[in-house]
Amino acid sequence: MLRASRIVIVLAAIVTLPTAGLTFRAVAITAWQMFDPCVHWDGSGSASISASIGPNDACRAVTVNGESRLRAVTMTALIPGGVLLSTVLAAIGVVRSRRWLIFAAALLMFAETPFVFTIAPLTFLSGVAYLILANAGWRSRSLGEMTH
């Protein structure tokens, strides 16, 4: 029984790590841009943007984002943050043998799938894998006592 639970934990890690890595990268990029003096946040909705770089400027290039910092933080918290929350819930559910946490992670991952565009197939497959892990754990009891 211990061997089966190790296999399930390894499978859960294989499913969780790529999604978590990509979403963590998205959060890190946005966080880095928040503190980068060469990134300007517009957020006013105006179509004209002006920037100049002098020979003595610290910035070699200027990045201009058309959204406000508040919107960027909100979108980062809701979309990649939701995917990261889902992966954490799934990992805790597998390790602690909590079937309902794995199901909650799967539902959250499915809810995030339409919003993550480039990694949507990965999040969808992760959600399906979470459902399979939860269902397999319920039937085989390989995750321990799953009646919690």
N, C-alpha and C. Protein backbone atom coordinates (compact mmCIF):
# COMPACT_ATOMS: atom_id res chain seq x y z
N MET A 1 0.82 -1.20 0.00
CA MET A 1 0.00 0.00 0.00
C MET A 1 0.86 1.26 0.00
N LEU A 2 1.97 1.25 0.70
CA LEU A 2 2.86 2.40 0.71
C LEU A 2 3.42 2.66 -0.68
N ARG A 3 3.74 1.58 -1.41
CA ARG A 3 4.28 1.75 -2.74
C ARG A 3 3.26 2.39 -3.68
N ALA A 4 2.02 1.98 -3.58
CA ALA A 4 0.97 2.57 -4.43
C ALA A 4 0.82 4.06 -4.14
N SER A 5 0.87 4.44 -2.89
CA SER A 5 0.71 5.86 -2.57
C SER A 5 1.90 6.67 -3.07
N ARG A 6 3.09 6.10 -3.07
CA ARG A 6 4.24 6.81 -3.62
C ARG A 6 4.08 7.02 -5.12
N ILE A 7 3.56 6.00 -5.80
CA ILE A 7 3.34 6.12 -7.24
C ILE A 7 2.33 7.22 -7.53
N VAL A 8 1.27 7.26 -6.76
CA VAL A 8 0.25 8.29 -6.96
C VAL A 8 0.82 9.67 -6.69
N ILE A 9 1.66 9.80 -5.69
CA ILE A 9 2.28 11.10 -5.38
C ILE A 9 3.21 11.52 -6.52
N VAL A 10 3.97 10.58 -7.07
CA VAL A 10 4.85 10.90 -8.19
C VAL A 10 4.03 11.31 -9.41
N LEU A 11 2.93 10.59 -9.68
CA LEU A 11 2.06 10.96 -10.80
C LEU A 11 1.46 12.35 -10.61
N ALA A 12 1.05 12.64 -9.40
CA ALA A 12 0.50 13.97 -9.11
C ALA A 12 1.55 15.05 -9.32
N ALA A 13 2.78 14.78 -8.93
CA ALA A 13 3.86 15.75 -9.13
C ALA A 13 4.13 15.96 -10.62
N ILE A 14 4.10 14.87 -11.39
CA ILE A 14 4.33 14.98 -12.83
C ILE A 14 3.24 15.82 -13.49
N VAL A 15 2.02 15.69 -13.02
CA VAL A 15 0.91 16.46 -13.57
C VAL A 15 0.98 17.92 -13.12
N THR A 16 1.37 18.14 -11.90
CA THR A 16 1.31 19.47 -11.29
C THR A 16 2.49 20.37 -11.66
N LEU A 17 3.68 19.84 -11.72
CA LEU A 17 4.87 20.67 -11.89
C LEU A 17 4.92 21.50 -13.17
N PRO A 18 4.57 20.97 -14.35
CA PRO A 18 4.64 21.84 -15.54
C PRO A 18 3.68 23.03 -15.47
N THR A 19 2.46 22.78 -15.03
CA THR A 19 1.49 23.87 -14.91
C THR A 19 1.94 24.89 -13.87
N ALA A 20 2.38 24.40 -12.73
CA ALA A 20 2.83 25.30 -11.67
C ALA A 20 4.05 26.11 -12.12
N GLY A 21 4.96 25.47 -12.83
CA GLY A 21 6.15 26.18 -13.30
C GLY A 21 5.83 27.30 -14.27
N LEU A 22 4.95 27.02 -15.22
CA LEU A 22 4.59 28.05 -16.20
C LEU A 22 3.82 29.20 -15.56
N THR A 23 2.92 28.90 -14.65
CA THR A 23 2.16 29.98 -14.03
C THR A 23 3.02 30.76 -13.04
N PHE A 24 3.93 30.08 -12.35
CA PHE A 24 4.85 30.80 -11.47
C PHE A 24 5.71 31.76 -12.27
N ARG A 25 6.12 31.34 -13.46
CA ARG A 25 6.90 32.20 -14.35
C ARG A 25 6.10 33.45 -14.73
N ALA A 26 4.81 33.27 -15.04
CA ALA A 26 3.97 34.42 -15.40
C ALA A 26 3.84 35.40 -14.25
N VAL A 27 3.68 34.88 -13.05
CA VAL A 27 3.59 35.74 -11.87
C VAL A 27 4.92 36.46 -11.64
N ALA A 28 6.02 35.76 -11.80
CA ALA A 28 7.34 36.36 -11.59
C ALA A 28 7.63 37.47 -12.60
N ILE A 29 7.23 37.26 -13.86
CA ILE A 29 7.45 38.29 -14.88
C ILE A 29 6.67 39.55 -14.55
N THR A 30 5.41 39.39 -14.16
CA THR A 30 4.59 40.57 -13.82
C THR A 30 5.15 41.26 -12.59
N ALA A 31 5.56 40.49 -11.59
CA ALA A 31 6.13 41.09 -10.37
C ALA A 31 7.43 41.84 -10.70
N TRP A 32 8.26 41.27 -11.56
CA TRP A 32 9.50 41.93 -11.96
C TRP A 32 9.21 43.26 -12.66
N GLN A 33 8.20 43.26 -13.54
CA GLN A 33 7.85 44.48 -14.27
C GLN A 33 7.33 45.57 -13.34
N MET A 34 6.71 45.19 -12.24
CA MET A 34 6.19 46.17 -11.29
C MET A 34 7.31 47.05 -10.71
N PHE A 35 8.48 46.46 -10.55
CA PHE A 35 9.59 47.17 -9.91
C PHE A 35 10.67 47.62 -10.90
N ASP A 36 10.47 47.35 -12.18
CA ASP A 36 11.44 47.73 -13.20
C ASP A 36 11.21 49.20 -13.57
N PRO A 37 12.22 50.06 -13.39
CA PRO A 37 12.04 51.47 -13.72
C PRO A 37 11.91 51.72 -15.23
N CYS A 38 12.25 50.74 -16.05
CA CYS A 38 12.16 50.90 -17.50
C CYS A 38 10.81 50.47 -18.05
N VAL A 39 9.90 50.08 -17.17
CA VAL A 39 8.55 49.70 -17.59
C VAL A 39 7.61 50.80 -17.16
N HIS A 40 6.83 51.31 -18.11
CA HIS A 40 5.87 52.37 -17.82
C HIS A 40 4.47 51.79 -17.97
N TRP A 41 3.62 52.15 -17.03
CA TRP A 41 2.24 51.66 -17.01
C TRP A 41 1.34 52.81 -17.40
N ASP A 42 0.55 52.62 -18.44
CA ASP A 42 -0.31 53.69 -18.93
C ASP A 42 -1.66 53.64 -18.24
N GLY A 43 -2.48 52.71 -18.62
CA GLY A 43 -3.77 52.52 -17.98
C GLY A 43 -4.79 53.60 -18.25
N SER A 44 -4.44 54.63 -19.00
CA SER A 44 -5.39 55.72 -19.24
C SER A 44 -6.28 55.44 -20.44
N GLY A 45 -5.88 54.49 -21.25
CA GLY A 45 -6.67 54.17 -22.44
C GLY A 45 -6.38 55.07 -23.62
N SER A 46 -5.40 55.94 -23.50
CA SER A 46 -5.08 56.82 -24.62
C SER A 46 -4.30 56.03 -25.68
N ALA A 47 -4.46 56.45 -26.92
CA ALA A 47 -3.83 55.73 -28.03
C ALA A 47 -2.40 56.18 -28.27
N SER A 48 -2.03 57.37 -27.81
CA SER A 48 -0.67 57.86 -28.07
C SER A 48 0.22 57.62 -26.84
N ILE A 49 1.40 57.10 -27.11
CA ILE A 49 2.37 56.84 -26.06
C ILE A 49 3.68 57.45 -26.50
N SER A 50 4.33 58.17 -25.60
CA SER A 50 5.59 58.82 -25.93
C SER A 50 6.65 58.40 -24.93
N ALA A 51 7.83 58.04 -25.45
CA ALA A 51 8.95 57.69 -24.59
C ALA A 51 10.24 58.07 -25.31
N SER A 52 11.21 58.52 -24.57
CA SER A 52 12.50 58.85 -25.18
C SER A 52 13.62 58.27 -24.32
N ILE A 53 14.68 57.85 -24.99
CA ILE A 53 15.83 57.28 -24.30
C ILE A 53 17.05 58.11 -24.68
N GLY A 54 17.70 58.65 -23.67
CA GLY A 54 18.90 59.45 -23.90
C GLY A 54 20.16 58.60 -23.77
N PRO A 55 21.29 59.13 -24.16
CA PRO A 55 22.54 58.36 -24.11
C PRO A 55 22.99 58.03 -22.68
N ASN A 56 22.57 58.81 -21.71
CA ASN A 56 22.98 58.58 -20.33
C ASN A 56 21.90 57.90 -19.48
N ASP A 57 20.82 57.48 -20.11
CA ASP A 57 19.75 56.81 -19.37
C ASP A 57 20.16 55.40 -18.96
N ALA A 58 19.65 54.98 -17.84
CA ALA A 58 19.92 53.62 -17.35
C ALA A 58 19.21 52.56 -18.19
N CYS A 59 18.12 52.95 -18.82
CA CYS A 59 17.33 52.00 -19.61
C CYS A 59 17.83 51.97 -21.05
N ARG A 60 18.09 50.81 -21.55
CA ARG A 60 18.46 50.65 -22.96
C ARG A 60 17.20 50.54 -23.82
N ALA A 61 16.11 50.10 -23.19
CA ALA A 61 14.82 49.99 -23.89
C ALA A 61 13.72 50.31 -22.88
N VAL A 62 12.62 50.81 -23.38
CA VAL A 62 11.47 51.14 -22.54
C VAL A 62 10.32 50.24 -22.94
N THR A 63 9.69 49.65 -21.95
CA THR A 63 8.51 48.83 -22.17
C THR A 63 7.30 49.61 -21.67
N VAL A 64 6.27 49.67 -22.49
CA VAL A 64 5.06 50.38 -22.10
C VAL A 64 3.91 49.38 -22.09
N ASN A 65 3.26 49.27 -20.95
CA ASN A 65 2.09 48.42 -20.82
C ASN A 65 0.85 49.30 -20.89
N GLY A 66 -0.13 48.88 -21.65
CA GLY A 66 -1.34 49.67 -21.84
C GLY A 66 -2.33 49.55 -20.71
N GLU A 67 -2.04 48.74 -19.71
CA GLU A 67 -2.96 48.59 -18.58
C GLU A 67 -2.35 49.24 -17.34
N SER A 68 -3.18 49.44 -16.36
CA SER A 68 -2.68 50.03 -15.12
C SER A 68 -2.03 48.95 -14.26
N ARG A 69 -1.25 49.39 -13.29
CA ARG A 69 -0.62 48.44 -12.36
C ARG A 69 -1.68 47.66 -11.58
N LEU A 70 -2.74 48.35 -11.17
CA LEU A 70 -3.79 47.69 -10.42
C LEU A 70 -4.44 46.58 -11.23
N ARG A 71 -4.71 46.86 -12.49
CA ARG A 71 -5.31 45.83 -13.35
C ARG A 71 -4.34 44.66 -13.55
N ALA A 72 -3.07 44.94 -13.73
CA ALA A 72 -2.09 43.88 -13.90
C ALA A 72 -2.00 42.99 -12.66
N VAL A 73 -2.00 43.60 -11.49
CA VAL A 73 -1.95 42.83 -10.24
C VAL A 73 -3.23 42.00 -10.09
N THR A 74 -4.38 42.61 -10.39
CA THR A 74 -5.65 41.90 -10.28
C THR A 74 -5.70 40.70 -11.23
N MET A 75 -5.32 40.91 -12.47
CA MET A 75 -5.35 39.82 -13.45
C MET A 75 -4.35 38.73 -13.10
N THR A 76 -3.21 39.12 -12.56
CA THR A 76 -2.21 38.13 -12.16
C THR A 76 -2.71 37.32 -10.97
N ALA A 77 -3.37 37.97 -10.04
CA ALA A 77 -3.91 37.26 -8.88
C ALA A 77 -5.04 36.31 -9.29
N LEU A 78 -5.86 36.73 -10.22
CA LEU A 78 -7.01 35.92 -10.60
C LEU A 78 -6.66 34.77 -11.53
N ILE A 79 -5.84 35.00 -12.51
CA ILE A 79 -5.62 33.96 -13.53
C ILE A 79 -4.44 33.05 -13.17
N PRO A 80 -3.18 33.50 -13.25
CA PRO A 80 -2.13 32.58 -12.84
C PRO A 80 -2.21 32.21 -11.36
N GLY A 81 -2.68 33.15 -10.54
CA GLY A 81 -2.83 32.85 -9.12
C GLY A 81 -3.85 31.75 -8.87
N GLY A 82 -4.92 31.75 -9.65
CA GLY A 82 -5.93 30.69 -9.52
C GLY A 82 -5.39 29.34 -9.95
N VAL A 83 -4.58 29.33 -10.99
CA VAL A 83 -3.97 28.07 -11.44
C VAL A 83 -2.99 27.57 -10.38
N LEU A 84 -2.19 28.47 -9.80
CA LEU A 84 -1.28 28.06 -8.74
C LEU A 84 -2.04 27.53 -7.53
N LEU A 85 -3.14 28.18 -7.17
CA LEU A 85 -3.96 27.70 -6.06
C LEU A 85 -4.48 26.30 -6.35
N SER A 86 -4.91 26.07 -7.57
CA SER A 86 -5.39 24.75 -7.96
C SER A 86 -4.31 23.69 -7.82
N THR A 87 -3.11 24.00 -8.26
CA THR A 87 -2.03 23.01 -8.15
C THR A 87 -1.66 22.73 -6.70
N VAL A 88 -1.70 23.77 -5.87
CA VAL A 88 -1.41 23.58 -4.45
C VAL A 88 -2.50 22.72 -3.79
N LEU A 89 -3.77 23.00 -4.11
CA LEU A 89 -4.87 22.20 -3.56
C LEU A 89 -4.75 20.74 -3.97
N ALA A 90 -4.41 20.50 -5.23
CA ALA A 90 -4.26 19.13 -5.71
C ALA A 90 -3.11 18.42 -4.98
N ALA A 91 -1.99 19.12 -4.83
CA ALA A 91 -0.85 18.52 -4.15
C ALA A 91 -1.18 18.19 -2.70
N ILE A 92 -1.83 19.11 -2.02
CA ILE A 92 -2.22 18.86 -0.63
C ILE A 92 -3.24 17.72 -0.57
N GLY A 93 -4.18 17.71 -1.50
CA GLY A 93 -5.18 16.65 -1.52
C GLY A 93 -4.58 15.28 -1.72
N VAL A 94 -3.57 15.18 -2.57
CA VAL A 94 -2.93 13.88 -2.80
C VAL A 94 -2.11 13.47 -1.57
N VAL A 95 -1.29 14.38 -1.07
CA VAL A 95 -0.42 14.05 0.05
C VAL A 95 -1.21 13.75 1.31
N ARG A 96 -2.26 14.52 1.56
CA ARG A 96 -3.06 14.35 2.78
C ARG A 96 -4.26 13.41 2.59
N SER A 97 -4.36 12.81 1.41
CA SER A 97 -5.45 11.87 1.09
C SER A 97 -6.82 12.49 1.28
N ARG A 98 -6.99 13.67 0.72
CA ARG A 98 -8.27 14.37 0.79
C ARG A 98 -8.87 14.45 -0.61
N ARG A 99 -9.78 13.58 -0.90
CA ARG A 99 -10.40 13.49 -2.22
C ARG A 99 -11.10 14.79 -2.60
N TRP A 100 -11.79 15.40 -1.65
CA TRP A 100 -12.54 16.62 -1.94
C TRP A 100 -11.62 17.77 -2.35
N LEU A 101 -10.39 17.81 -1.82
CA LEU A 101 -9.44 18.84 -2.23
C LEU A 101 -8.99 18.62 -3.67
N ILE A 102 -8.83 17.36 -4.05
CA ILE A 102 -8.42 17.06 -5.42
C ILE A 102 -9.55 17.44 -6.38
N PHE A 103 -10.79 17.14 -6.01
CA PHE A 103 -11.93 17.55 -6.84
C PHE A 103 -12.04 19.07 -6.94
N ALA A 104 -11.83 19.76 -5.83
CA ALA A 104 -11.87 21.23 -5.84
C ALA A 104 -10.77 21.78 -6.75
N ALA A 105 -9.60 21.17 -6.71
CA ALA A 105 -8.50 21.59 -7.58
C ALA A 105 -8.87 21.37 -9.05
N ALA A 106 -9.49 20.24 -9.35
CA ALA A 106 -9.89 19.96 -10.73
C ALA A 106 -10.92 20.97 -11.21
N LEU A 107 -11.91 21.28 -10.39
CA LEU A 107 -12.93 22.25 -10.78
C LEU A 107 -12.33 23.64 -10.98
N LEU A 108 -11.44 24.04 -10.10
CA LEU A 108 -10.78 25.34 -10.25
C LEU A 108 -9.92 25.37 -11.50
N MET A 109 -9.24 24.28 -11.79
CA MET A 109 -8.41 24.22 -13.00
C MET A 109 -9.28 24.32 -14.25
N PHE A 110 -10.43 23.63 -14.26
CA PHE A 110 -11.34 23.74 -15.39
C PHE A 110 -11.89 25.16 -15.52
N ALA A 111 -12.16 25.81 -14.40
CA ALA A 111 -12.67 27.18 -14.43
C ALA A 111 -11.63 28.16 -14.99
N GLU A 112 -10.36 27.90 -14.74
CA GLU A 112 -9.29 28.77 -15.22
C GLU A 112 -8.93 28.52 -16.69
N THR A 113 -9.24 27.36 -17.21
CA THR A 113 -8.82 26.96 -18.56
C THR A 113 -9.18 27.98 -19.65
N PRO A 114 -10.40 28.53 -19.70
CA PRO A 114 -10.70 29.49 -20.78
C PRO A 114 -9.90 30.79 -20.72
N PHE A 115 -9.28 31.08 -19.60
CA PHE A 115 -8.61 32.35 -19.41
C PHE A 115 -7.09 32.30 -19.58
N VAL A 116 -6.52 31.12 -19.71
CA VAL A 116 -5.06 31.02 -19.76
C VAL A 116 -4.53 30.81 -21.17
N PHE A 117 -5.35 30.99 -22.17
CA PHE A 117 -5.05 30.93 -23.60
C PHE A 117 -3.90 30.01 -23.99
N THR A 118 -2.66 30.42 -23.80
CA THR A 118 -1.53 29.68 -24.35
C THR A 118 -1.30 28.33 -23.67
N ILE A 119 -1.65 28.21 -22.40
CA ILE A 119 -1.46 26.92 -21.72
C ILE A 119 -2.80 26.23 -21.44
N ALA A 120 -3.85 26.63 -22.14
CA ALA A 120 -5.17 26.04 -21.92
C ALA A 120 -5.19 24.52 -22.08
N PRO A 121 -4.53 23.96 -23.09
CA PRO A 121 -4.53 22.49 -23.16
C PRO A 121 -3.88 21.84 -21.94
N LEU A 122 -2.82 22.47 -21.44
CA LEU A 122 -2.13 21.93 -20.27
C LEU A 122 -3.01 22.00 -19.03
N THR A 123 -3.71 23.12 -18.83
CA THR A 123 -4.57 23.22 -17.66
C THR A 123 -5.77 22.28 -17.77
N PHE A 124 -6.30 22.10 -18.98
CA PHE A 124 -7.41 21.17 -19.16
C PHE A 124 -6.96 19.75 -18.85
N LEU A 125 -5.81 19.36 -19.37
CA LEU A 125 -5.30 18.01 -19.09
C LEU A 125 -4.97 17.83 -17.61
N SER A 126 -4.51 18.88 -16.97
CA SER A 126 -4.25 18.80 -15.53
C SER A 126 -5.55 18.57 -14.76
N GLY A 127 -6.60 19.29 -15.15
CA GLY A 127 -7.90 19.10 -14.51
C GLY A 127 -8.42 17.68 -14.69
N VAL A 128 -8.28 17.15 -15.90
CA VAL A 128 -8.70 15.76 -16.16
C VAL A 128 -7.87 14.80 -15.31
N ALA A 129 -6.56 15.03 -15.25
CA ALA A 129 -5.69 14.16 -14.45
C ALA A 129 -6.05 14.22 -12.98
N TYR A 130 -6.41 15.40 -12.48
CA TYR A 130 -6.83 15.51 -11.07
C TYR A 130 -8.09 14.69 -10.83
N LEU A 131 -9.03 14.75 -11.76
CA LEU A 131 -10.25 13.95 -11.61
C LEU A 131 -9.93 12.46 -11.62
N ILE A 132 -9.02 12.06 -12.49
CA ILE A 132 -8.63 10.65 -12.55
C ILE A 132 -7.94 10.23 -11.25
N LEU A 133 -7.06 11.08 -10.74
CA LEU A 133 -6.38 10.77 -9.47
C LEU A 133 -7.38 10.65 -8.33
N ALA A 134 -8.33 11.56 -8.28
CA ALA A 134 -9.33 11.51 -7.21
C ALA A 134 -10.19 10.26 -7.34
N ASN A 135 -10.61 9.95 -8.56
CA ASN A 135 -11.45 8.78 -8.78
C ASN A 135 -10.68 7.49 -8.54
N ALA A 136 -9.43 7.42 -8.99
CA ALA A 136 -8.61 6.22 -8.78
C ALA A 136 -8.35 6.02 -7.30
N GLY A 137 -8.11 7.10 -6.59
CA GLY A 137 -7.88 7.00 -5.16
C GLY A 137 -9.11 6.51 -4.42
N TRP A 138 -10.29 6.91 -4.88
CA TRP A 138 -11.53 6.49 -4.24
C TRP A 138 -11.77 5.00 -4.47
N ARG A 139 -11.50 4.53 -5.66
CA ARG A 139 -11.78 3.13 -5.99
C ARG A 139 -10.74 2.19 -5.41
N SER A 140 -9.47 2.56 -5.51
CA SER A 140 -8.43 1.62 -5.10
C SER A 140 -7.96 1.84 -3.67
N ARG A 141 -8.36 2.94 -3.08
CA ARG A 141 -7.91 3.31 -1.73
C ARG A 141 -6.40 3.48 -1.66
N SER A 142 -5.75 3.72 -2.83
CA SER A 142 -4.30 3.85 -2.83
C SER A 142 -3.84 5.16 -2.23
N LEU A 143 -4.75 6.09 -2.05
CA LEU A 143 -4.38 7.36 -1.42
C LEU A 143 -4.63 7.33 0.09
N GLY A 144 -4.93 6.18 0.62
CA GLY A 144 -5.24 6.09 2.04
C GLY A 144 -6.75 6.14 2.22
N GLU A 145 -7.18 6.49 3.37
CA GLU A 145 -8.62 6.58 3.64
C GLU A 145 -9.18 7.84 3.01
N MET A 146 -10.03 7.71 2.01
CA MET A 146 -10.50 8.83 1.23
C MET A 146 -11.90 9.29 1.63
N THR A 147 -12.41 8.91 2.74
CA THR A 147 -13.78 9.25 3.11
C THR A 147 -13.88 10.58 3.84
N HIS A 148 -12.79 11.33 3.92
CA HIS A 148 -12.80 12.62 4.64
C HIS A 148 -13.57 13.64 3.89
